[in-house]
Structures are given as structure tokens and as C-alpha cells.
Amino acid sequence: MHDEEKQTVLTPEMCRAARAFLDWTQADLAEKAAVSRGTVRDYEASAHAVHRSTPALLRKALEDGGVRLECRDGGGLALVQE
């Protein structure tokens, strides 16, 4: 992973898409990221601010699960199937 990709934050929309791609429930992602299901639910719903490490934990769990997220021009992330 490049430094630029490490700095790009996983958005709630991309989190939902990556989770759906893996066919994971919110509980699955929560377990793999070592956070509560409520944290995943609130993050995906943009319900309130989450701890600053949460997006990184979620992104790592998704990437460890087989999703590849790439930084694209304009600073966004794209879900890439290998």
C-alpha cells in the first residue's frame, strides 16, 4: 500500500460496498475489525463521529478479507476486483 492510500479514509459508502462485496454482515466486519457491531452500524450510517482509528481498522479488516481498495484521481477510493 502506498503512503497516499494509507492517508485516504474509508468512506461509509465504500465500507458498505466492500462489505457487500465480501458478503459480510455488519457483525462479521465488527468481529474481524475488533470493534462493536454498533460502531460499524453508526459508521456506515454516518450517525456520529467515530474514533479516528475506526476507519483504518475497518479498512484493514476489509482488505485482509480480500477486498482491494485503490486510491483514484481526485482522492477517492475504488473497490477493485482482482
PDB file of N, CA and C in Angstrom:
ATOM      1  N   MET A   1       0.854  -1.174   0.000  1.00  0.00           N
ATOM      2  CA  MET A   1       0.000   0.000   0.000  1.00  0.00           C
ATOM      3  C   MET A   1       0.898   1.234   0.000  1.00  0.00           C
ATOM      4  N   HIS A   2       0.573   2.192  -0.812  1.00  0.00           N
ATOM      5  CA  HIS A   2       1.351   3.419  -0.894  1.00  0.00           C
ATOM      6  C   HIS A   2       0.952   4.366   0.225  1.00  0.00           C
ATOM      7  N   ASP A   3       1.863   5.303   0.566  1.00  0.00           N
ATOM      8  CA  ASP A   3       1.567   6.274   1.617  1.00  0.00           C
ATOM      9  C   ASP A   3       0.295   7.041   1.325  1.00  0.00           C
ATOM     10  N   GLU A   4       0.074   7.391   0.057  1.00  0.00           N
ATOM     11  CA  GLU A   4      -1.125   8.142  -0.318  1.00  0.00           C
ATOM     12  C   GLU A   4      -2.386   7.345   0.012  1.00  0.00           C
ATOM     13  N   GLU A   5      -2.359   6.019  -0.227  1.00  0.00           N
ATOM     14  CA  GLU A   5      -3.519   5.187   0.048  1.00  0.00           C
ATOM     15  C   GLU A   5      -3.772   5.094   1.550  1.00  0.00           C
ATOM     16  N   LYS A   6      -2.712   5.049   2.353  1.00  0.00           N
ATOM     17  CA  LYS A   6      -2.873   4.972   3.794  1.00  0.00           C
ATOM     18  C   LYS A   6      -3.575   6.211   4.344  1.00  0.00           C
ATOM     19  N   GLN A   7      -3.403   7.334   3.680  1.00  0.00           N
ATOM     20  CA  GLN A   7      -3.984   8.576   4.149  1.00  0.00           C
ATOM     21  C   GLN A   7      -5.426   8.757   3.687  1.00  0.00           C
ATOM     22  N   THR A   8      -5.856   7.989   2.704  1.00  0.00           N
ATOM     23  CA  THR A   8      -7.206   8.110   2.194  1.00  0.00           C
ATOM     24  C   THR A   8      -8.149   7.351   3.115  1.00  0.00           C
ATOM     25  N   VAL A   9      -9.121   8.039   3.648  1.00  0.00           N
ATOM     26  CA  VAL A   9     -10.028   7.456   4.626  1.00  0.00           C
ATOM     27  C   VAL A   9     -11.140   6.674   3.927  1.00  0.00           C
ATOM     28  N   LEU A  10     -11.445   5.539   4.483  1.00  0.00           N
ATOM     29  CA  LEU A  10     -12.559   4.727   4.014  1.00  0.00           C
ATOM     30  C   LEU A  10     -13.858   5.472   4.296  1.00  0.00           C
ATOM     31  N   THR A  11     -14.668   5.685   3.278  1.00  0.00           N
ATOM     32  CA  THR A  11     -15.949   6.364   3.480  1.00  0.00           C
ATOM     33  C   THR A  11     -17.000   5.348   3.930  1.00  0.00           C
ATOM     34  N   PRO A  12     -18.059   5.809   4.567  1.00  0.00           N
ATOM     35  CA  PRO A  12     -19.136   4.890   4.941  1.00  0.00           C
ATOM     36  C   PRO A  12     -19.720   4.163   3.724  1.00  0.00           C
ATOM     37  N   GLU A  13     -19.843   4.852   2.612  1.00  0.00           N
ATOM     38  CA  GLU A  13     -20.399   4.238   1.399  1.00  0.00           C
ATOM     39  C   GLU A  13     -19.481   3.129   0.876  1.00  0.00           C
ATOM     40  N   MET A  14     -18.188   3.399   0.877  1.00  0.00           N
ATOM     41  CA  MET A  14     -17.237   2.400   0.412  1.00  0.00           C
ATOM     42  C   MET A  14     -17.180   1.221   1.377  1.00  0.00           C
ATOM     43  N   CYS A  15     -17.341   1.495   2.653  1.00  0.00           N
ATOM     44  CA  CYS A  15     -17.372   0.428   3.654  1.00  0.00           C
ATOM     45  C   CYS A  15     -18.538  -0.510   3.369  1.00  0.00           C
ATOM     46  N   ARG A  16     -19.721   0.043   3.142  1.00  0.00           N
ATOM     47  CA  ARG A  16     -20.892  -0.776   2.838  1.00  0.00           C
ATOM     48  C   ARG A  16     -20.688  -1.581   1.563  1.00  0.00           C
ATOM     49  N   ALA A  17     -20.132  -0.947   0.541  1.00  0.00           N
ATOM     50  CA  ALA A  17     -19.916  -1.628  -0.742  1.00  0.00           C
ATOM     51  C   ALA A  17     -18.911  -2.769  -0.589  1.00  0.00           C
ATOM     52  N   ALA A  18     -17.819  -2.518   0.104  1.00  0.00           N
ATOM     53  CA  ALA A  18     -16.801  -3.550   0.289  1.00  0.00           C
ATOM     54  C   ALA A  18     -17.350  -4.703   1.126  1.00  0.00           C
ATOM     55  N   ARG A  19     -18.126  -4.370   2.133  1.00  0.00           N
ATOM     56  CA  ARG A  19     -18.727  -5.405   2.980  1.00  0.00           C
ATOM     57  C   ARG A  19     -19.706  -6.257   2.176  1.00  0.00           C
ATOM     58  N   ALA A  20     -20.484  -5.608   1.325  1.00  0.00           N
ATOM     59  CA  ALA A  20     -21.421  -6.337   0.466  1.00  0.00           C
ATOM     60  C   ALA A  20     -20.674  -7.230  -0.529  1.00  0.00           C
ATOM     61  N   PHE A  21     -19.584  -6.724  -1.066  1.00  0.00           N
ATOM     62  CA  PHE A  21     -18.765  -7.492  -2.000  1.00  0.00           C
ATOM     63  C   PHE A  21     -18.284  -8.781  -1.349  1.00  0.00           C
ATOM     64  N   LEU A  22     -17.907  -8.700  -0.062  1.00  0.00           N
ATOM     65  CA  LEU A  22     -17.430  -9.870   0.671  1.00  0.00           C
ATOM     66  C   LEU A  22     -18.576 -10.719   1.225  1.00  0.00           C
ATOM     67  N   ASP A  23     -19.807 -10.218   1.090  1.00  0.00           N
ATOM     68  CA  ASP A  23     -20.989 -10.878   1.639  1.00  0.00           C
ATOM     69  C   ASP A  23     -20.866 -11.017   3.158  1.00  0.00           C
ATOM     70  N   TRP A  24     -20.386  -9.936   3.788  1.00  0.00           N
ATOM     71  CA  TRP A  24     -20.253  -9.891   5.239  1.00  0.00           C
ATOM     72  C   TRP A  24     -21.394  -9.077   5.838  1.00  0.00           C
ATOM     73  N   THR A  25     -21.846  -9.500   6.991  1.00  0.00           N
ATOM     74  CA  THR A  25     -22.784  -8.699   7.766  1.00  0.00           C
ATOM     75  C   THR A  25     -21.997  -7.640   8.532  1.00  0.00           C
ATOM     76  N   GLN A  26     -22.718  -6.719   9.135  1.00  0.00           N
ATOM     77  CA  GLN A  26     -22.047  -5.746   9.998  1.00  0.00           C
ATOM     78  C   GLN A  26     -21.367  -6.460  11.158  1.00  0.00           C
ATOM     79  N   ALA A  27     -21.991  -7.519  11.657  1.00  0.00           N
ATOM     80  CA  ALA A  27     -21.398  -8.286  12.755  1.00  0.00           C
ATOM     81  C   ALA A  27     -20.105  -8.968  12.311  1.00  0.00           C
ATOM     82  N   ASP A  28     -20.076  -9.475  11.076  1.00  0.00           N
ATOM     83  CA  ASP A  28     -18.847 -10.099  10.555  1.00  0.00           C
ATOM     84  C   ASP A  28     -17.708  -9.085  10.531  1.00  0.00           C
ATOM     85  N   LEU A  29     -17.987  -7.915   9.973  1.00  0.00           N
ATOM     86  CA  LEU A  29     -16.960  -6.887   9.888  1.00  0.00           C
ATOM     87  C   LEU A  29     -16.523  -6.446  11.279  1.00  0.00           C
ATOM     88  N   ALA A  30     -17.471  -6.269  12.166  1.00  0.00           N
ATOM     89  CA  ALA A  30     -17.138  -5.850  13.527  1.00  0.00           C
ATOM     90  C   ALA A  30     -16.186  -6.846  14.193  1.00  0.00           C
ATOM     91  N   GLU A  31     -16.483  -8.121  14.045  1.00  0.00           N
ATOM     92  CA  GLU A  31     -15.631  -9.149  14.644  1.00  0.00           C
ATOM     93  C   GLU A  31     -14.223  -9.108  14.057  1.00  0.00           C
ATOM     94  N   LYS A  32     -14.131  -9.004  12.745  1.00  0.00           N
ATOM     95  CA  LYS A  32     -12.833  -9.019  12.077  1.00  0.00           C
ATOM     96  C   LYS A  32     -12.023  -7.746  12.350  1.00  0.00           C
ATOM     97  N   ALA A  33     -12.712  -6.635  12.602  1.00  0.00           N
ATOM     98  CA  ALA A  33     -12.035  -5.365  12.876  1.00  0.00           C
ATOM     99  C   ALA A  33     -11.845  -5.118  14.369  1.00  0.00           C
ATOM    100  N   ALA A  34     -12.376  -6.017  15.197  1.00  0.00           N
ATOM    101  CA  ALA A  34     -12.291  -5.897  16.657  1.00  0.00           C
ATOM    102  C   ALA A  34     -12.941  -4.608  17.164  1.00  0.00           C
ATOM    103  N   VAL A  35     -14.126  -4.322  16.609  1.00  0.00           N
ATOM    104  CA  VAL A  35     -14.950  -3.207  17.074  1.00  0.00           C
ATOM    105  C   VAL A  35     -16.352  -3.755  17.314  1.00  0.00           C
ATOM    106  N   SER A  36     -17.216  -2.964  17.900  1.00  0.00           N
ATOM    107  CA  SER A  36     -18.577  -3.432  18.142  1.00  0.00           C
ATOM    108  C   SER A  36     -19.416  -3.323  16.869  1.00  0.00           C
ATOM    109  N   ARG A  37     -20.484  -4.114  16.815  1.00  0.00           N
ATOM    110  CA  ARG A  37     -21.391  -4.032  15.686  1.00  0.00           C
ATOM    111  C   ARG A  37     -22.003  -2.631  15.615  1.00  0.00           C
ATOM    112  N   GLY A  38     -22.278  -2.050  16.766  1.00  0.00           N
ATOM    113  CA  GLY A  38     -22.824  -0.699  16.813  1.00  0.00           C
ATOM    114  C   GLY A  38     -21.881   0.321  16.191  1.00  0.00           C
ATOM    115  N   THR A  39     -20.587   0.103  16.361  1.00  0.00           N
ATOM    116  CA  THR A  39     -19.608   1.009  15.749  1.00  0.00           C
ATOM    117  C   THR A  39     -19.701   0.934  14.236  1.00  0.00           C
ATOM    118  N   VAL A  40     -19.786  -0.284  13.695  1.00  0.00           N
ATOM    119  CA  VAL A  40     -19.912  -0.452  12.243  1.00  0.00           C
ATOM    120  C   VAL A  40     -21.221   0.181  11.768  1.00  0.00           C
ATOM    121  N   ARG A  41     -22.310  -0.111  12.474  1.00  0.00           N
ATOM    122  CA  ARG A  41     -23.627   0.436  12.113  1.00  0.00           C
ATOM    123  C   ARG A  41     -23.598   1.967  12.094  1.00  0.00           C
ATOM    124  N   ASP A  42     -23.063   2.551  13.160  1.00  0.00           N
ATOM    125  CA  ASP A  42     -23.016   4.009  13.253  1.00  0.00           C
ATOM    126  C   ASP A  42     -22.096   4.615  12.201  1.00  0.00           C
ATOM    127  N   TYR A  43     -20.969   3.960  11.932  1.00  0.00           N
ATOM    128  CA  TYR A  43     -20.044   4.473  10.920  1.00  0.00           C
ATOM    129  C   TYR A  43     -20.704   4.463   9.543  1.00  0.00           C
ATOM    130  N   GLU A  44     -21.315   3.341   9.192  1.00  0.00           N
ATOM    131  CA  GLU A  44     -21.939   3.233   7.874  1.00  0.00           C
ATOM    132  C   GLU A  44     -23.121   4.184   7.709  1.00  0.00           C
ATOM    133  N   ALA A  45     -23.772   4.516   8.804  1.00  0.00           N
ATOM    134  CA  ALA A  45     -24.918   5.429   8.751  1.00  0.00           C
ATOM    135  C   ALA A  45     -24.506   6.881   8.953  1.00  0.00           C
ATOM    136  N   SER A  46     -23.210   7.112   9.162  1.00  0.00           N
ATOM    137  CA  SER A  46     -22.711   8.456   9.476  1.00  0.00           C
ATOM    138  C   SER A  46     -23.506   9.059  10.629  1.00  0.00           C
ATOM    139  N   ALA A  47     -23.828   8.219  11.610  1.00  0.00           N
ATOM    140  CA  ALA A  47     -24.681   8.640  12.724  1.00  0.00           C
ATOM    141  C   ALA A  47     -24.011   9.671  13.624  1.00  0.00           C
ATOM    142  N   HIS A  48     -22.720   9.517  13.808  1.00  0.00           N
ATOM    143  CA  HIS A  48     -21.969  10.466  14.629  1.00  0.00           C
ATOM    144  C   HIS A  48     -20.489  10.226  14.385  1.00  0.00           C
ATOM    145  N   ALA A  49     -19.674  11.075  14.906  1.00  0.00           N
ATOM    146  CA  ALA A  49     -18.235  10.927  14.745  1.00  0.00           C
ATOM    147  C   ALA A  49     -17.769   9.668  15.472  1.00  0.00           C
ATOM    148  N   VAL A  50     -16.876   8.937  14.826  1.00  0.00           N
ATOM    149  CA  VAL A  50     -16.317   7.739  15.443  1.00  0.00           C
ATOM    150  C   VAL A  50     -14.863   8.024  15.817  1.00  0.00           C
ATOM    151  N   HIS A  51     -14.290   7.164  16.617  1.00  0.00           N
ATOM    152  CA  HIS A  51     -12.881   7.312  16.977  1.00  0.00           C
ATOM    153  C   HIS A  51     -12.057   7.374  15.691  1.00  0.00           C
ATOM    154  N   ARG A  52     -11.026   8.153  15.683  1.00  0.00           N
ATOM    155  CA  ARG A  52     -10.271   8.383  14.453  1.00  0.00           C
ATOM    156  C   ARG A  52      -9.603   7.128  13.911  1.00  0.00           C
ATOM    157  N   SER A  53      -9.417   6.102  14.743  1.00  0.00           N
ATOM    158  CA  SER A  53      -8.804   4.862  14.265  1.00  0.00           C
ATOM    159  C   SER A  53      -9.813   3.912  13.615  1.00  0.00           C
ATOM    160  N   THR A  54     -11.095   4.161  13.805  1.00  0.00           N
ATOM    161  CA  THR A  54     -12.118   3.234  13.315  1.00  0.00           C
ATOM    162  C   THR A  54     -12.060   3.005  11.808  1.00  0.00           C
ATOM    163  N   PRO A  55     -12.019   4.036  10.965  1.00  0.00           N
ATOM    164  CA  PRO A  55     -11.962   3.772   9.524  1.00  0.00           C
ATOM    165  C   PRO A  55     -10.756   2.924   9.116  1.00  0.00           C
ATOM    166  N   ALA A  56      -9.626   3.141   9.765  1.00  0.00           N
ATOM    167  CA  ALA A  56      -8.428   2.357   9.448  1.00  0.00           C
ATOM    168  C   ALA A  56      -8.606   0.897   9.861  1.00  0.00           C
ATOM    169  N   LEU A  57      -9.217   0.652  11.011  1.00  0.00           N
ATOM    170  CA  LEU A  57      -9.471  -0.716  11.457  1.00  0.00           C
ATOM    171  C   LEU A  57     -10.424  -1.427  10.504  1.00  0.00           C
ATOM    172  N   LEU A  58     -11.473  -0.726  10.090  1.00  0.00           N
ATOM    173  CA  LEU A  58     -12.436  -1.316   9.167  1.00  0.00           C
ATOM    174  C   LEU A  58     -11.791  -1.606   7.815  1.00  0.00           C
ATOM    175  N   ARG A  59     -11.019  -0.640   7.333  1.00  0.00           N
ATOM    176  CA  ARG A  59     -10.361  -0.810   6.031  1.00  0.00           C
ATOM    177  C   ARG A  59      -9.399  -2.000   6.067  1.00  0.00           C
ATOM    178  N   LYS A  60      -8.619  -2.118   7.136  1.00  0.00           N
ATOM    179  CA  LYS A  60      -7.672  -3.233   7.236  1.00  0.00           C
ATOM    180  C   LYS A  60      -8.406  -4.564   7.243  1.00  0.00           C
ATOM    181  N   ALA A  61      -9.485  -4.657   7.981  1.00  0.00           N
ATOM    182  CA  ALA A  61     -10.257  -5.900   8.034  1.00  0.00           C
ATOM    183  C   ALA A  61     -10.808  -6.249   6.654  1.00  0.00           C
ATOM    184  N   LEU A  62     -11.326  -5.253   5.940  1.00  0.00           N
ATOM    185  CA  LEU A  62     -11.858  -5.496   4.602  1.00  0.00           C
ATOM    186  C   LEU A  62     -10.761  -5.944   3.644  1.00  0.00           C
ATOM    187  N   GLU A  63      -9.618  -5.289   3.713  1.00  0.00           N
ATOM    188  CA  GLU A  63      -8.509  -5.656   2.841  1.00  0.00           C
ATOM    189  C   GLU A  63      -7.962  -7.038   3.207  1.00  0.00           C
ATOM    190  N   ASP A  64      -7.896  -7.351   4.497  1.00  0.00           N
ATOM    191  CA  ASP A  64      -7.465  -8.685   4.920  1.00  0.00           C
ATOM    192  C   ASP A  64      -8.456  -9.750   4.448  1.00  0.00           C
ATOM    193  N   GLY A  65      -9.710  -9.347   4.273  1.00  0.00           N
ATOM    194  CA  GLY A  65     -10.750 -10.263   3.796  1.00  0.00           C
ATOM    195  C   GLY A  65     -10.725 -10.483   2.295  1.00  0.00           C
ATOM    196  N   GLY A  66      -9.919  -9.702   1.591  1.00  0.00           N
ATOM    197  CA  GLY A  66      -9.782  -9.926   0.157  1.00  0.00           C
ATOM    198  C   GLY A  66     -10.223  -8.791  -0.736  1.00  0.00           C
ATOM    199  N   VAL A  67     -10.683  -7.705  -0.151  1.00  0.00           N
ATOM    200  CA  VAL A  67     -11.071  -6.545  -0.949  1.00  0.00           C
ATOM    201  C   VAL A  67      -9.833  -5.699  -1.204  1.00  0.00           C
ATOM    202  N   ARG A  68      -9.707  -5.196  -2.405  1.00  0.00           N
ATOM    203  CA  ARG A  68      -8.601  -4.286  -2.709  1.00  0.00           C
ATOM    204  C   ARG A  68      -9.179  -2.902  -2.937  1.00  0.00           C
ATOM    205  N   LEU A  69      -8.719  -1.945  -2.153  1.00  0.00           N
ATOM    206  CA  LEU A  69      -9.162  -0.566  -2.282  1.00  0.00           C
ATOM    207  C   LEU A  69      -8.007   0.238  -2.851  1.00  0.00           C
ATOM    208  N   GLU A  70      -8.271   0.948  -3.924  1.00  0.00           N
ATOM    209  CA  GLU A  70      -7.233   1.749  -4.565  1.00  0.00           C
ATOM    210  C   GLU A  70      -7.607   3.211  -4.537  1.00  0.00           C
ATOM    211  N   CYS A  71      -6.605   4.038  -4.357  1.00  0.00           N
ATOM    212  CA  CYS A  71      -6.785   5.475  -4.417  1.00  0.00           C
ATOM    213  C   CYS A  71      -6.898   5.873  -5.883  1.00  0.00           C
ATOM    214  N   ARG A  72      -7.864   6.685  -6.193  1.00  0.00           N
ATOM    215  CA  ARG A  72      -8.072   7.143  -7.560  1.00  0.00           C
ATOM    216  C   ARG A  72      -7.844   8.637  -7.656  1.00  0.00           C
ATOM    217  N   ASP A  73      -7.665   9.114  -8.869  1.00  0.00           N
ATOM    218  CA  ASP A  73      -7.518  10.552  -9.076  1.00  0.00           C
ATOM    219  C   ASP A  73      -8.682  11.270  -8.426  1.00  0.00           C
ATOM    220  N   GLY A  74      -8.401  12.354  -7.772  1.00  0.00           N
ATOM    221  CA  GLY A  74      -9.426  13.090  -7.057  1.00  0.00           C
ATOM    222  C   GLY A  74      -9.487  12.705  -5.592  1.00  0.00           C
ATOM    223  N   GLY A  75      -8.691  11.699  -5.197  1.00  0.00           N
ATOM    224  CA  GLY A  75      -8.601  11.357  -3.790  1.00  0.00           C
ATOM    225  C   GLY A  75      -9.573  10.328  -3.287  1.00  0.00           C
ATOM    226  N   GLY A  76     -10.451   9.815  -4.145  1.00  0.00           N
ATOM    227  CA  GLY A  76     -11.407   8.821  -3.683  1.00  0.00           C
ATOM    228  C   GLY A  76     -10.843   7.418  -3.727  1.00  0.00           C
ATOM    229  N   LEU A  77     -11.557   6.499  -3.107  1.00  0.00           N
ATOM    230  CA  LEU A  77     -11.183   5.094  -3.136  1.00  0.00           C
ATOM    231  C   LEU A  77     -12.065   4.365  -4.129  1.00  0.00           C
ATOM    232  N   ALA A  78     -11.514   3.347  -4.758  1.00  0.00           N
ATOM    233  CA  ALA A  78     -12.279   2.497  -5.653  1.00  0.00           C
ATOM    234  C   ALA A  78     -12.105   1.056  -5.219  1.00  0.00           C
ATOM    235  N   LEU A  79     -13.173   0.308  -5.272  1.00  0.00           N
ATOM    236  CA  LEU A  79     -13.160  -1.118  -4.970  1.00  0.00           C
ATOM    237  C   LEU A  79     -12.711  -1.831  -6.234  1.00  0.00           C
ATOM    238  N   VAL A  80     -11.636  -2.599  -6.140  1.00  0.00           N
ATOM    239  CA  VAL A  80     -11.051  -3.248  -7.299  1.00  0.00           C
ATOM    240  C   VAL A  80     -11.103  -4.755  -7.118  1.00  0.00           C
ATOM    241  N   GLN A  81     -11.685  -5.459  -8.061  1.00  0.00           N
ATOM    242  CA  GLN A  81     -11.730  -6.900  -8.023  1.00  0.00           C
ATOM    243  C   GLN A  81     -10.470  -7.450  -8.661  1.00  0.00           C
ATOM    244  N   GLU A  82      -9.846  -8.398  -8.000  1.00  0.00           N
ATOM    245  CA  GLU A  82      -8.614  -8.983  -8.548  1.00  0.00           C
ATOM    246  C   GLU A  82      -8.921 -10.225  -9.314  1.00  0.00           C
TER     247      GLU A  82
END
